[in-house]
Full PDB file with SEQRES, HELIX, SHEET, SSBOND, CRYST1, ORIGX, SCALE, CONECT and MASTER records, all heavy atoms in Angstrom:
SEQRES   1 A   33  VAL ARG ASN VAL GLN VAL CYS PRO ASP CYS HIS GLY THR          
SEQRES   2 A   33  GLY LYS ILE ILE LYS ASP LYS CYS PRO ASP CYS ARG GLY          
SEQRES   3 A   33  THR GLY TYR ILE PRO MET LYS                                  
CRYST1    1.000    1.000    1.000  90.00  90.00  90.00 P 1           1          
ORIGX1      1.000000  0.000000  0.000000        0.00000                         
ORIGX2      0.000000  1.000000  0.000000        0.00000                         
ORIGX3      0.000000  0.000000  1.000000        0.00000                         
SCALE1      1.000000  0.000000  0.000000        0.00000                         
SCALE2      0.000000  1.000000  0.000000        0.00000                         
SCALE3      0.000000  0.000000  1.000000        0.00000                         
ATOM      1  N   VAL A   1     -18.212  24.678 -21.897  1.00  0.00           N  
ATOM      2  CA  VAL A   1     -18.443  23.283 -22.263  1.00  0.00           C  
ATOM      3  C   VAL A   1     -17.999  22.396 -21.113  1.00  0.00           C  
ATOM      4  O   VAL A   1     -16.890  22.546 -20.595  1.00  0.00           O  
ATOM      5  CB  VAL A   1     -17.678  22.910 -23.547  1.00  0.00           C  
ATOM      6  CG1 VAL A   1     -17.858  21.434 -23.854  1.00  0.00           C  
ATOM      7  CG2 VAL A   1     -18.147  23.751 -24.717  1.00  0.00           C  
ATOM      8  N   ARG A   2     -18.875  21.474 -20.719  1.00  0.00           N  
ATOM      9  CA  ARG A   2     -18.558  20.525 -19.651  1.00  0.00           C  
ATOM     10  C   ARG A   2     -17.952  19.272 -20.272  1.00  0.00           C  
ATOM     11  O   ARG A   2     -18.486  18.718 -21.223  1.00  0.00           O  
ATOM     12  CB  ARG A   2     -19.808  20.154 -18.858  1.00  0.00           C  
ATOM     13  CG  ARG A   2     -20.405  21.329 -18.090  1.00  0.00           C  
ATOM     14  CD  ARG A   2     -21.709  20.925 -17.394  1.00  0.00           C  
ATOM     15  NE  ARG A   2     -21.464  20.021 -16.271  1.00  0.00           N  
ATOM     16  CZ  ARG A   2     -21.796  18.737 -16.268  1.00  0.00           C  
ATOM     17  NH1 ARG A   2     -22.343  18.178 -17.325  1.00  0.00           N  
ATOM     18  NH2 ARG A   2     -21.584  17.996 -15.202  1.00  0.00           N  
ATOM     19  N   ASN A   3     -16.857  18.815 -19.706  1.00  0.00           N  
ATOM     20  CA  ASN A   3     -16.164  17.640 -20.206  1.00  0.00           C  
ATOM     21  C   ASN A   3     -15.913  16.690 -19.045  1.00  0.00           C  
ATOM     22  O   ASN A   3     -15.298  17.068 -18.046  1.00  0.00           O  
ATOM     23  CB  ASN A   3     -14.836  18.046 -20.859  1.00  0.00           C  
ATOM     24  CG  ASN A   3     -14.194  16.887 -21.588  1.00  0.00           C  
ATOM     25  OD1 ASN A   3     -14.857  15.924 -21.947  1.00  0.00           O  
ATOM     26  ND2 ASN A   3     -12.898  16.986 -21.809  1.00  0.00           N  
ATOM     27  N   VAL A   4     -16.407  15.460 -19.154  1.00  0.00           N  
ATOM     28  CA  VAL A   4     -16.319  14.489 -18.062  1.00  0.00           C  
ATOM     29  C   VAL A   4     -15.234  13.469 -18.374  1.00  0.00           C  
ATOM     30  O   VAL A   4     -15.208  12.890 -19.459  1.00  0.00           O  
ATOM     31  CB  VAL A   4     -17.669  13.778 -17.851  1.00  0.00           C  
ATOM     32  CG1 VAL A   4     -17.566  12.787 -16.696  1.00  0.00           C  
ATOM     33  CG2 VAL A   4     -18.769  14.788 -17.593  1.00  0.00           C  
ATOM     34  N   GLN A   5     -14.338  13.242 -17.420  1.00  0.00           N  
ATOM     35  CA  GLN A   5     -13.261  12.274 -17.581  1.00  0.00           C  
ATOM     36  C   GLN A   5     -13.171  11.369 -16.361  1.00  0.00           C  
ATOM     37  O   GLN A   5     -13.600  11.732 -15.263  1.00  0.00           O  
ATOM     38  CB  GLN A   5     -11.919  12.987 -17.769  1.00  0.00           C  
ATOM     39  CG  GLN A   5     -11.827  13.811 -19.040  1.00  0.00           C  
ATOM     40  CD  GLN A   5     -10.470  14.472 -19.187  1.00  0.00           C  
ATOM     41  OE1 GLN A   5      -9.679  14.484 -18.252  1.00  0.00           O  
ATOM     42  NE2 GLN A   5     -10.213  15.030 -20.361  1.00  0.00           N  
ATOM     43  N   VAL A   6     -12.603  10.177 -16.581  1.00  0.00           N  
ATOM     44  CA  VAL A   6     -12.362   9.249 -15.472  1.00  0.00           C  
ATOM     45  C   VAL A   6     -11.312   9.847 -14.547  1.00  0.00           C  
ATOM     46  O   VAL A   6     -10.312  10.414 -14.996  1.00  0.00           O  
ATOM     47  CB  VAL A   6     -11.897   7.882 -16.001  1.00  0.00           C  
ATOM     48  CG1 VAL A   6     -11.524   6.956 -14.840  1.00  0.00           C  
ATOM     49  CG2 VAL A   6     -12.984   7.234 -16.846  1.00  0.00           C  
ATOM     50  N   CYS A   7     -11.553   9.735 -13.273  1.00  0.00           N  
ATOM     51  CA  CYS A   7     -10.632  10.298 -12.282  1.00  0.00           C  
ATOM     52  C   CYS A   7      -9.260   9.643 -12.433  1.00  0.00           C  
ATOM     53  O   CYS A   7      -9.143   8.407 -12.378  1.00  0.00           O  
ATOM     54  CB  CYS A   7     -11.159  10.077 -10.869  1.00  0.00           C  
ATOM     55  SG  CYS A   7     -10.031  10.654  -9.575  1.00  0.00           S  
ATOM     56  N   PRO A   8      -8.194  10.423 -12.609  1.00  0.00           N  
ATOM     57  CA  PRO A   8      -6.859   9.846 -12.803  1.00  0.00           C  
ATOM     58  C   PRO A   8      -6.256   9.260 -11.527  1.00  0.00           C  
ATOM     59  O   PRO A   8      -5.324   8.463 -11.592  1.00  0.00           O  
ATOM     60  CB  PRO A   8      -6.033  11.039 -13.297  1.00  0.00           C  
ATOM     61  CG  PRO A   8      -6.717  12.238 -12.725  1.00  0.00           C  
ATOM     62  CD  PRO A   8      -8.178  11.895 -12.693  1.00  0.00           C  
ATOM     63  N   ASP A   9      -6.782   9.659 -10.367  1.00  0.00           N  
ATOM     64  CA  ASP A   9      -6.216   9.173  -9.103  1.00  0.00           C  
ATOM     65  C   ASP A   9      -6.768   7.810  -8.703  1.00  0.00           C  
ATOM     66  O   ASP A   9      -6.021   6.916  -8.297  1.00  0.00           O  
ATOM     67  CB  ASP A   9      -6.473  10.183  -7.987  1.00  0.00           C  
ATOM     68  CG  ASP A   9      -5.651  11.456  -8.159  1.00  0.00           C  
ATOM     69  OD1 ASP A   9      -4.886  11.529  -9.144  1.00  0.00           O  
ATOM     70  OD2 ASP A   9      -5.785  12.375  -7.327  1.00  0.00           O  
ATOM     71  N   CYS A  10      -8.083   7.654  -8.803  1.00  0.00           N  
ATOM     72  CA  CYS A  10      -8.706   6.394  -8.374  1.00  0.00           C  
ATOM     73  C   CYS A  10      -9.088   5.507  -9.545  1.00  0.00           C  
ATOM     74  O   CYS A  10      -9.609   4.404  -9.349  1.00  0.00           O  
ATOM     75  CB  CYS A  10      -9.933   6.667  -7.516  1.00  0.00           C  
ATOM     76  SG  CYS A  10     -11.307   7.442  -8.412  1.00  0.00           S  
ATOM     77  N   HIS A  11      -8.865   6.015 -10.760  1.00  0.00           N  
ATOM     78  CA  HIS A  11      -9.159   5.253 -11.983  1.00  0.00           C  
ATOM     79  C   HIS A  11     -10.614   4.816 -12.064  1.00  0.00           C  
ATOM     80  O   HIS A  11     -10.940   3.725 -12.537  1.00  0.00           O  
ATOM     81  CB  HIS A  11      -8.244   4.031 -12.092  1.00  0.00           C  
ATOM     82  CG  HIS A  11      -6.785   4.362 -12.016  1.00  0.00           C  
ATOM     83  ND1 HIS A  11      -6.110   5.038 -13.019  1.00  0.00           N  
ATOM     84  CD2 HIS A  11      -5.876   4.154 -11.023  1.00  0.00           C  
ATOM     85  CE1 HIS A  11      -4.850   5.206 -12.666  1.00  0.00           C  
ATOM     86  NE2 HIS A  11      -4.676   4.682 -11.458  1.00  0.00           N  
ATOM     87  N   GLY A  12     -11.495   5.676 -11.568  1.00  0.00           N  
ATOM     88  CA  GLY A  12     -12.926   5.418 -11.698  1.00  0.00           C  
ATOM     89  C   GLY A  12     -13.536   4.618 -10.569  1.00  0.00           C  
ATOM     90  O   GLY A  12     -14.749   4.417 -10.546  1.00  0.00           O  
ATOM     91  N   THR A  13     -12.730   4.155  -9.608  1.00  0.00           N  
ATOM     92  CA  THR A  13     -13.280   3.342  -8.513  1.00  0.00           C  
ATOM     93  C   THR A  13     -13.892   4.193  -7.409  1.00  0.00           C  
ATOM     94  O   THR A  13     -14.735   3.718  -6.646  1.00  0.00           O  
ATOM     95  CB  THR A  13     -12.186   2.459  -7.892  1.00  0.00           C  
ATOM     96  OG1 THR A  13     -11.182   3.292  -7.306  1.00  0.00           O  
ATOM     97  CG2 THR A  13     -11.547   1.571  -8.962  1.00  0.00           C  
ATOM     98  N   GLY A  14     -13.455   5.446  -7.294  1.00  0.00           N  
ATOM     99  CA  GLY A  14     -13.950   6.318  -6.221  1.00  0.00           C  
ATOM    100  C   GLY A  14     -13.260   6.085  -4.893  1.00  0.00           C  
ATOM    101  O   GLY A  14     -13.601   6.727  -3.894  1.00  0.00           O  
ATOM    102  N   LYS A  15     -12.283   5.167  -4.861  1.00  0.00           N  
ATOM    103  CA  LYS A  15     -11.587   4.842  -3.611  1.00  0.00           C  
ATOM    104  C   LYS A  15     -10.077   4.969  -3.789  1.00  0.00           C  
ATOM    105  O   LYS A  15      -9.547   4.703  -4.876  1.00  0.00           O  
ATOM    106  CB  LYS A  15     -11.919   3.411  -3.162  1.00  0.00           C  
ATOM    107  CG  LYS A  15     -13.395   3.174  -2.869  1.00  0.00           C  
ATOM    108  CD  LYS A  15     -13.854   3.889  -1.619  1.00  0.00           C  
ATOM    109  CE  LYS A  15     -15.304   3.554  -1.287  1.00  0.00           C  
ATOM    110  NZ  LYS A  15     -15.759   4.269  -0.060  1.00  0.00           N  
ATOM    111  N   ILE A  16      -9.405   5.349  -2.724  1.00  0.00           N  
ATOM    112  CA  ILE A  16      -7.953   5.451  -2.708  1.00  0.00           C  
ATOM    113  C   ILE A  16      -7.417   4.571  -1.584  1.00  0.00           C  
ATOM    114  O   ILE A  16      -7.948   4.584  -0.464  1.00  0.00           O  
ATOM    115  CB  ILE A  16      -7.488   6.902  -2.486  1.00  0.00           C  
ATOM    116  CG1 ILE A  16      -7.869   7.766  -3.682  1.00  0.00           C  
ATOM    117  CG2 ILE A  16      -5.991   6.974  -2.244  1.00  0.00           C  
ATOM    118  CD1 ILE A  16      -7.098   7.439  -4.941  1.00  0.00           C  
ATOM    119  N   ILE A  17      -6.372   3.786  -1.897  1.00  0.00           N  
ATOM    120  CA  ILE A  17      -5.740   2.934  -0.878  1.00  0.00           C  
ATOM    121  C   ILE A  17      -4.465   3.627  -0.409  1.00  0.00           C  
ATOM    122  O   ILE A  17      -3.495   3.741  -1.163  1.00  0.00           O  
ATOM    123  CB  ILE A  17      -5.427   1.544  -1.446  1.00  0.00           C  
ATOM    124  CG1 ILE A  17      -6.712   0.865  -1.943  1.00  0.00           C  
ATOM    125  CG2 ILE A  17      -4.732   0.684  -0.397  1.00  0.00           C  
ATOM    126  CD1 ILE A  17      -6.477  -0.462  -2.626  1.00  0.00           C  
ATOM    127  N   LYS A  18      -4.467   4.096   0.821  1.00  0.00           N  
ATOM    128  CA  LYS A  18      -3.286   4.778   1.369  1.00  0.00           C  
ATOM    129  C   LYS A  18      -2.240   3.784   1.851  1.00  0.00           C  
ATOM    130  O   LYS A  18      -1.062   3.901   1.547  1.00  0.00           O  
ATOM    131  CB  LYS A  18      -3.706   5.705   2.507  1.00  0.00           C  
ATOM    132  CG  LYS A  18      -4.496   6.929   2.036  1.00  0.00           C  
ATOM    133  CD  LYS A  18      -4.743   7.879   3.197  1.00  0.00           C  
ATOM    134  CE  LYS A  18      -5.430   9.151   2.719  1.00  0.00           C  
ATOM    135  NZ  LYS A  18      -5.654  10.120   3.830  1.00  0.00           N  
ATOM    136  N   ASP A  19      -2.664   2.807   2.650  1.00  0.00           N  
ATOM    137  CA  ASP A  19      -1.750   1.780   3.155  1.00  0.00           C  
ATOM    138  C   ASP A  19      -2.053   0.468   2.435  1.00  0.00           C  
ATOM    139  O   ASP A  19      -3.047  -0.211   2.733  1.00  0.00           O  
ATOM    140  CB  ASP A  19      -1.914   1.603   4.661  1.00  0.00           C  
ATOM    141  CG  ASP A  19      -1.537   2.860   5.429  1.00  0.00           C  
ATOM    142  OD1 ASP A  19      -0.552   3.510   5.038  1.00  0.00           O  
ATOM    143  OD2 ASP A  19      -2.249   3.197   6.412  1.00  0.00           O  
ATOM    144  N   LYS A  20      -1.199   0.106   1.481  1.00  0.00           N  
ATOM    145  CA  LYS A  20      -1.448  -1.080   0.669  1.00  0.00           C  
ATOM    146  C   LYS A  20      -1.102  -2.361   1.411  1.00  0.00           C  
ATOM    147  O   LYS A  20      -0.179  -2.392   2.227  1.00  0.00           O  
ATOM    148  CB  LYS A  20      -0.649  -1.002  -0.633  1.00  0.00           C  
ATOM    149  CG  LYS A  20      -1.053   0.141  -1.542  1.00  0.00           C  
ATOM    150  CD  LYS A  20      -0.255   0.124  -2.831  1.00  0.00           C  
ATOM    151  CE  LYS A  20      -0.684   1.250  -3.754  1.00  0.00           C  
ATOM    152  NZ  LYS A  20       0.073   1.252  -5.023  1.00  0.00           N  
ATOM    153  N   CYS A  21      -1.860  -3.389   1.103  1.00  0.00           N  
ATOM    154  CA  CYS A  21      -1.603  -4.709   1.677  1.00  0.00           C  
ATOM    155  C   CYS A  21      -0.241  -5.200   1.203  1.00  0.00           C  
ATOM    156  O   CYS A  21       0.025  -5.208  -0.007  1.00  0.00           O  
ATOM    157  CB  CYS A  21      -2.696  -5.681   1.257  1.00  0.00           C  
ATOM    158  SG  CYS A  21      -2.392  -7.397   1.718  1.00  0.00           S  
ATOM    159  N   PRO A  22       0.651  -5.623   2.098  1.00  0.00           N  
ATOM    160  CA  PRO A  22       1.994  -6.058   1.682  1.00  0.00           C  
ATOM    161  C   PRO A  22       1.985  -7.372   0.903  1.00  0.00           C  
ATOM    162  O   PRO A  22       2.906  -7.643   0.141  1.00  0.00           O  
ATOM    163  CB  PRO A  22       2.738  -6.211   3.015  1.00  0.00           C  
ATOM    164  CG  PRO A  22       1.663  -6.465   4.030  1.00  0.00           C  
ATOM    165  CD  PRO A  22       0.474  -5.679   3.558  1.00  0.00           C  
ATOM    166  N   ASP A  23       0.953  -8.190   1.095  1.00  0.00           N  
ATOM    167  CA  ASP A  23       0.917  -9.484   0.423  1.00  0.00           C  
ATOM    168  C   ASP A  23       0.538  -9.354  -1.052  1.00  0.00           C  
ATOM    169  O   ASP A  23       1.112 -10.006  -1.923  1.00  0.00           O  
ATOM    170  CB  ASP A  23      -0.058 -10.425   1.132  1.00  0.00           C  
ATOM    171  CG  ASP A  23       0.413 -10.792   2.529  1.00  0.00           C  
ATOM    172  OD1 ASP A  23       1.637 -10.684   2.779  1.00  0.00           O  
ATOM    173  OD2 ASP A  23      -0.418 -11.172   3.373  1.00  0.00           O  
ATOM    174  N   CYS A  24      -0.451  -8.523  -1.341  1.00  0.00           N  
ATOM    175  CA  CYS A  24      -0.922  -8.382  -2.732  1.00  0.00           C  
ATOM    176  C   CYS A  24      -0.510  -7.053  -3.342  1.00  0.00           C  
ATOM    177  O   CYS A  24      -0.865  -6.768  -4.488  1.00  0.00           O  
ATOM    178  CB  CYS A  24      -2.433  -8.541  -2.805  1.00  0.00           C  
ATOM    179  SG  CYS A  24      -3.351  -7.223  -1.955  1.00  0.00           S  
ATOM    180  N   ARG A  25       0.201  -6.203  -2.563  1.00  0.00           N  
ATOM    181  CA  ARG A  25       0.683  -4.913  -3.019  1.00  0.00           C  
ATOM    182  C   ARG A  25      -0.461  -3.992  -3.469  1.00  0.00           C  
ATOM    183  O   ARG A  25      -0.341  -3.247  -4.433  1.00  0.00           O  
ATOM    184  CB  ARG A  25       1.698  -5.075  -4.139  1.00  0.00           C  
ATOM    185  CG  ARG A  25       2.940  -5.827  -3.726  1.00  0.00           C  
ATOM    186  CD  ARG A  25       3.916  -5.977  -4.854  1.00  0.00           C  
ATOM    187  NE  ARG A  25       5.101  -6.733  -4.427  1.00  0.00           N  
ATOM    188  CZ  ARG A  25       6.129  -7.030  -5.237  1.00  0.00           C  
ATOM    189  NH1 ARG A  25       6.103  -6.621  -6.505  1.00  0.00           N  
ATOM    190  NH2 ARG A  25       7.149  -7.715  -4.782  1.00  0.00           N  
ATOM    191  N   GLY A  26      -1.559  -4.120  -2.793  1.00  0.00           N  
ATOM    192  CA  GLY A  26      -2.678  -3.228  -3.050  1.00  0.00           C  
ATOM    193  C   GLY A  26      -3.599  -3.662  -4.168  1.00  0.00           C  
ATOM    194  O   GLY A  26      -4.606  -3.005  -4.445  1.00  0.00           O  
ATOM    195  N   THR A  27      -3.316  -4.793  -4.826  1.00  0.00           N  
ATOM    196  CA  THR A  27      -4.174  -5.237  -5.932  1.00  0.00           C  
ATOM    197  C   THR A  27      -5.415  -5.969  -5.439  1.00  0.00           C  
ATOM    198  O   THR A  27      -6.436  -6.008  -6.117  1.00  0.00           O  
ATOM    199  CB  THR A  27      -3.405  -6.169  -6.882  1.00  0.00           C  
ATOM    200  OG1 THR A  27      -3.016  -7.355  -6.192  1.00  0.00           O  
ATOM    201  CG2 THR A  27      -2.168  -5.465  -7.423  1.00  0.00           C  
ATOM    202  N   GLY A  28      -5.311  -6.570  -4.240  1.00  0.00           N  
ATOM    203  CA  GLY A  28      -6.432  -7.336  -3.704  1.00  0.00           C  
ATOM    204  C   GLY A  28      -6.429  -8.784  -4.147  1.00  0.00           C  
ATOM    205  O   GLY A  28      -7.299  -9.555  -3.736  1.00  0.00           O  
ATOM    206  N   TYR A  29      -5.434  -9.175  -4.994  1.00  0.00           N  
ATOM    207  CA  TYR A  29      -5.420 -10.533  -5.534  1.00  0.00           C  
ATOM    208  C   TYR A  29      -4.000 -11.093  -5.566  1.00  0.00           C  
ATOM    209  O   TYR A  29      -3.021 -10.357  -5.683  1.00  0.00           O  
ATOM    210  CB  TYR A  29      -6.005 -10.552  -6.944  1.00  0.00           C  
ATOM    211  CG  TYR A  29      -7.448 -10.125  -6.978  1.00  0.00           C  
ATOM    212  CD1 TYR A  29      -7.780  -8.789  -7.206  1.00  0.00           C  
ATOM    213  CD2 TYR A  29      -8.462 -11.031  -6.758  1.00  0.00           C  
ATOM    214  CE1 TYR A  29      -9.104  -8.383  -7.213  1.00  0.00           C  
ATOM    215  CE2 TYR A  29      -9.793 -10.638  -6.769  1.00  0.00           C  
ATOM    216  CZ  TYR A  29     -10.108  -9.314  -6.998  1.00  0.00           C  
ATOM    217  OH  TYR A  29     -11.416  -8.911  -6.989  1.00  0.00           O  
ATOM    218  N   ILE A  30      -3.909 -12.423  -5.468  1.00  0.00           N  
ATOM    219  CA  ILE A  30      -2.639 -13.132  -5.501  1.00  0.00           C  
ATOM    220  C   ILE A  30      -2.641 -14.065  -6.713  1.00  0.00           C  
ATOM    221  O   ILE A  30      -3.569 -14.870  -6.868  1.00  0.00           O  
ATOM    222  CB  ILE A  30      -2.422 -13.969  -4.223  1.00  0.00           C  
ATOM    223  CG1 ILE A  30      -2.470 -13.072  -2.980  1.00  0.00           C  
ATOM    224  CG2 ILE A  30      -1.100 -14.719  -4.305  1.00  0.00           C  
ATOM    225  CD1 ILE A  30      -1.324 -12.100  -2.888  1.00  0.00           C  
ATOM    226  N   PRO A  31      -1.626 -13.987  -7.605  1.00  0.00           N  
ATOM    227  CA  PRO A  31      -1.573 -14.900  -8.757  1.00  0.00           C  
ATOM    228  C   PRO A  31      -1.353 -16.342  -8.301  1.00  0.00           C  
ATOM    229  O   PRO A  31      -0.470 -16.618  -7.487  1.00  0.00           O  
ATOM    230  CB  PRO A  31      -0.375 -14.379  -9.570  1.00  0.00           C  
ATOM    231  CG  PRO A  31      -0.138 -12.985  -9.081  1.00  0.00           C  
ATOM    232  CD  PRO A  31      -0.545 -12.988  -7.643  1.00  0.00           C  
ATOM    233  N   MET A  32      -2.147 -17.250  -8.840  1.00  0.00           N  
ATOM    234  CA  MET A  32      -2.049 -18.664  -8.501  1.00  0.00           C  
ATOM    235  C   MET A  32      -2.178 -19.498  -9.770  1.00  0.00           C  
ATOM    236  O   MET A  32      -3.038 -19.231 -10.608  1.00  0.00           O  
ATOM    237  CB  MET A  32      -3.148 -19.058  -7.513  1.00  0.00           C  
ATOM    238  CG  MET A  32      -3.089 -18.324  -6.174  1.00  0.00           C  
ATOM    239  SD  MET A  32      -1.715 -18.882  -5.141  1.00  0.00           S  
ATOM    240  CE  MET A  32      -2.284 -20.533  -4.715  1.00  0.00           C  
ATOM    241  N   LYS A  33      -1.304 -20.515  -9.911  1.00  0.00           N  
ATOM    242  CA  LYS A  33      -1.399 -21.426 -11.047  1.00  0.00           C  
ATOM    243  C   LYS A  33      -2.347 -22.567 -10.714  1.00  0.00           C  
ATOM    244  O   LYS A  33      -2.198 -23.228  -9.683  1.00  0.00           O  
ATOM    245  CB  LYS A  33      -0.019 -21.973 -11.417  1.00  0.00           C  
ATOM    246  CG  LYS A  33       0.902 -20.952 -12.059  1.00  0.00           C  
ATOM    247  CD  LYS A  33       2.203 -21.594 -12.523  1.00  0.00           C  
ATOM    248  CE  LYS A  33       3.097 -20.575 -13.226  1.00  0.00           C  
ATOM    249  NZ  LYS A  33       4.358 -21.200 -13.702  1.00  0.00           N  
TER     250      LYS A  33                                                      
MASTER        0    0    0    0    0    0    0    6  249    1    0    3          
END                                                                             
């Protein structure tokens, strides 16, 4: 039986960030009010 699951490492994005941006900590976004 074949069972398909979301990749636990990349969470479905297909990409891995090795060196994270220090400003956004790898999220790609900065919280702003």
